[in-house]
Structures are given as structure tokens and as C-alpha cells.
Amino acid sequence: MKERCIRCHTILTSEDKHFHGIRCHTCEEDYWYAEHFDYFPLRCAWRYICYQVRWLWCASSAGLGICLRPVLRWLDGKREQSNARRER
């Protein structure tokens, strides 16, 4: 029975078995990258900044929608009045 990678289930070569054990070369590179760079302080700071900007954007657009609702109702009322005048 051929041994397979525990992550992607590709058949391991003898080189993969010798250098990486139970993972293939590609999965081992992914694991190494995640281990060394995924929690790199600058990357964590960038993720945090992106999260905050996204949160501020969503919160401000929701707040803007709430603030503009009375203005939109007033404009709809004006439009209905002008349409009623045209129909006469």
C-alpha cells in the first residue's frame, strides 16, 4: 500500500518521506509558511488595521443610512406632491 500525504492525499515519493515525513513537499511548504509568517507582527497589525477599517466603513454606512432616512422620506413626499400637481 502506498503512503499518502495526510493533508492532500497525494502519493508520497521516497524523497518526500525522507525529507518531510508524512506530508508532501507542497503541504510542508504551506505548513512552514503558516508557522513562520502567518503570525508575523506586521501581518497581524495589517489584519487588525483592515478589520478596523472594514468595521468603520460598515458602521458609518449604516449610520449614514439611518441619518438619511428622514431626508429620503421628505424627498419622496415632495416627489409625490409634484406628481399629484402634474396629474391635475
C-alpha atoms as a PDB file:
ATOM      1  CA  MET A   1       0.000   0.000   0.000  1.00  0.00           C
ATOM      2  CA  LYS A   2       1.356   3.398  -0.964  1.00  0.00           C
ATOM      3  CA  GLU A   3       1.710   6.041   1.696  1.00  0.00           C
ATOM      4  CA  ARG A   4      -0.252   9.233   1.151  1.00  0.00           C
ATOM      5  CA  CYS A   5       0.071  12.802   2.393  1.00  0.00           C
ATOM      6  CA  ILE A   6      -2.099  13.362   5.456  1.00  0.00           C
ATOM      7  CA  ARG A   7      -3.388  16.667   4.085  1.00  0.00           C
ATOM      8  CA  CYS A   8      -3.896  16.399   0.312  1.00  0.00           C
ATOM      9  CA  HIS A   9      -3.745  12.572  -0.030  1.00  0.00           C
ATOM     10  CA  THR A  10      -1.240  12.536  -2.881  1.00  0.00           C
ATOM     11  CA  ILE A  11       1.061   9.537  -3.040  1.00  0.00           C
ATOM     12  CA  LEU A  12       4.350  10.341  -1.321  1.00  0.00           C
ATOM     13  CA  THR A  13       7.642   9.793  -3.105  1.00  0.00           C
ATOM     14  CA  SER A  14      10.644   8.380  -1.294  1.00  0.00           C
ATOM     15  CA  GLU A  15      12.123  11.893  -1.304  1.00  0.00           C
ATOM     16  CA  ASP A  16       9.041  13.308   0.416  1.00  0.00           C
ATOM     17  CA  LYS A  17       9.161  10.539   3.009  1.00  0.00           C
ATOM     18  CA  HIS A  18      12.852  11.158   3.645  1.00  0.00           C
ATOM     19  CA  PHE A  19      12.702  14.967   3.958  1.00  0.00           C
ATOM     20  CA  HIS A  20       9.184  15.693   5.192  1.00  0.00           C
ATOM     21  CA  GLY A  21       7.822  12.524   6.763  1.00  0.00           C
ATOM     22  CA  ILE A  22       4.038  12.317   6.419  1.00  0.00           C
ATOM     23  CA  ARG A  23       3.478  15.393   4.204  1.00  0.00           C
ATOM     24  CA  CYS A  24       4.291  16.083   0.572  1.00  0.00           C
ATOM     25  CA  HIS A  25       6.632  18.910  -0.393  1.00  0.00           C
ATOM     26  CA  THR A  26       3.812  21.374  -1.217  1.00  0.00           C
ATOM     27  CA  CYS A  27       1.949  20.803   2.065  1.00  0.00           C
ATOM     28  CA  GLU A  28       5.199  21.061   4.004  1.00  0.00           C
ATOM     29  CA  GLU A  29       5.927  24.432   2.380  1.00  0.00           C
ATOM     30  CA  ASP A  30       2.410  25.628   3.244  1.00  0.00           C
ATOM     31  CA  TYR A  31       2.860  24.464   6.831  1.00  0.00           C
ATOM     32  CA  TRP A  32       6.277  26.133   7.130  1.00  0.00           C
ATOM     33  CA  TYR A  33       4.961  29.391   5.678  1.00  0.00           C
ATOM     34  CA  ALA A  34       1.972  29.427   8.042  1.00  0.00           C
ATOM     35  CA  GLU A  35       4.202  28.615  11.002  1.00  0.00           C
ATOM     36  CA  HIS A  36       6.753  31.350  10.262  1.00  0.00           C
ATOM     37  CA  PHE A  37       4.812  34.149   8.630  1.00  0.00           C
ATOM     38  CA  ASP A  38       1.144  33.810   9.476  1.00  0.00           C
ATOM     39  CA  TYR A  39       1.576  35.383  12.906  1.00  0.00           C
ATOM     40  CA  PHE A  40       4.338  37.775  11.945  1.00  0.00           C
ATOM     41  CA  PRO A  41       3.731  41.021  13.904  1.00  0.00           C
ATOM     42  CA  LEU A  42       3.436  43.223  10.811  1.00  0.00           C
ATOM     43  CA  ARG A  43       0.966  40.816   9.233  1.00  0.00           C
ATOM     44  CA  CYS A  44      -1.091  40.768  12.438  1.00  0.00           C
ATOM     45  CA  ALA A  45      -1.040  44.572  12.543  1.00  0.00           C
ATOM     46  CA  TRP A  46      -2.143  44.735   8.894  1.00  0.00           C
ATOM     47  CA  ARG A  47      -5.027  42.329   9.562  1.00  0.00           C
ATOM     48  CA  TYR A  48      -6.078  44.384  12.567  1.00  0.00           C
ATOM     49  CA  ILE A  49      -5.994  47.636  10.572  1.00  0.00           C
ATOM     50  CA  CYS A  50      -8.017  46.084   7.733  1.00  0.00           C
ATOM     51  CA  TYR A  51     -10.550  44.758  10.218  1.00  0.00           C
ATOM     52  CA  GLN A  52     -10.931  48.179  11.855  1.00  0.00           C
ATOM     53  CA  VAL A  53     -11.277  49.985   8.528  1.00  0.00           C
ATOM     54  CA  ARG A  54     -13.891  47.468   7.367  1.00  0.00           C
ATOM     55  CA  TRP A  55     -15.784  47.834  10.656  1.00  0.00           C
ATOM     56  CA  LEU A  56     -15.689  51.640  10.472  1.00  0.00           C
ATOM     57  CA  TRP A  57     -16.845  51.590   6.852  1.00  0.00           C
ATOM     58  CA  CYS A  58     -19.811  49.307   7.623  1.00  0.00           C
ATOM     59  CA  ALA A  59     -20.757  51.205  10.781  1.00  0.00           C
ATOM     60  CA  SER A  60     -20.567  54.586   9.065  1.00  0.00           C
ATOM     61  CA  SER A  61     -22.619  53.423   6.085  1.00  0.00           C
ATOM     62  CA  ALA A  62     -25.279  52.008   8.417  1.00  0.00           C
ATOM     63  CA  GLY A  63     -25.299  55.237  10.428  1.00  0.00           C
ATOM     64  CA  LEU A  64     -25.491  57.294   7.265  1.00  0.00           C
ATOM     65  CA  GLY A  65     -28.474  55.237   6.122  1.00  0.00           C
ATOM     66  CA  ILE A  66     -30.252  55.878   9.412  1.00  0.00           C
ATOM     67  CA  CYS A  67     -29.495  59.609   9.271  1.00  0.00           C
ATOM     68  CA  LEU A  68     -30.619  59.955   5.657  1.00  0.00           C
ATOM     69  CA  ARG A  69     -33.903  58.093   6.101  1.00  0.00           C
ATOM     70  CA  PRO A  70     -35.895  61.242   7.104  1.00  0.00           C
ATOM     71  CA  VAL A  71     -34.386  63.178   4.194  1.00  0.00           C
ATOM     72  CA  LEU A  72     -35.371  60.415   1.769  1.00  0.00           C
ATOM     73  CA  ARG A  73     -38.924  60.376   3.153  1.00  0.00           C
ATOM     74  CA  TRP A  74     -39.127  64.165   2.725  1.00  0.00           C
ATOM     75  CA  LEU A  75     -37.862  63.883  -0.875  1.00  0.00           C
ATOM     76  CA  ASP A  76     -40.400  61.125  -1.600  1.00  0.00           C
ATOM     77  CA  GLY A  77     -43.159  63.352  -0.231  1.00  0.00           C
ATOM     78  CA  LYS A  78     -42.020  66.212  -2.464  1.00  0.00           C
ATOM     79  CA  ARG A  79     -41.971  63.887  -5.483  1.00  0.00           C
ATOM     80  CA  GLU A  80     -45.490  62.640  -4.753  1.00  0.00           C
ATOM     81  CA  GLN A  81     -46.725  66.221  -4.413  1.00  0.00           C
ATOM     82  CA  SER A  82     -45.172  67.236  -7.720  1.00  0.00           C
ATOM     83  CA  ASN A  83     -46.620  64.142  -9.428  1.00  0.00           C
ATOM     84  CA  ALA A  84     -50.070  64.944  -7.982  1.00  0.00           C
ATOM     85  CA  ARG A  85     -49.832  68.503  -9.342  1.00  0.00           C
ATOM     86  CA  ARG A  86     -48.889  67.213 -12.813  1.00  0.00           C
ATOM     87  CA  GLU A  87     -51.841  64.828 -12.912  1.00  0.00           C
ATOM     88  CA  ARG A  88     -54.367  67.644 -12.304  1.00  0.00           C
END
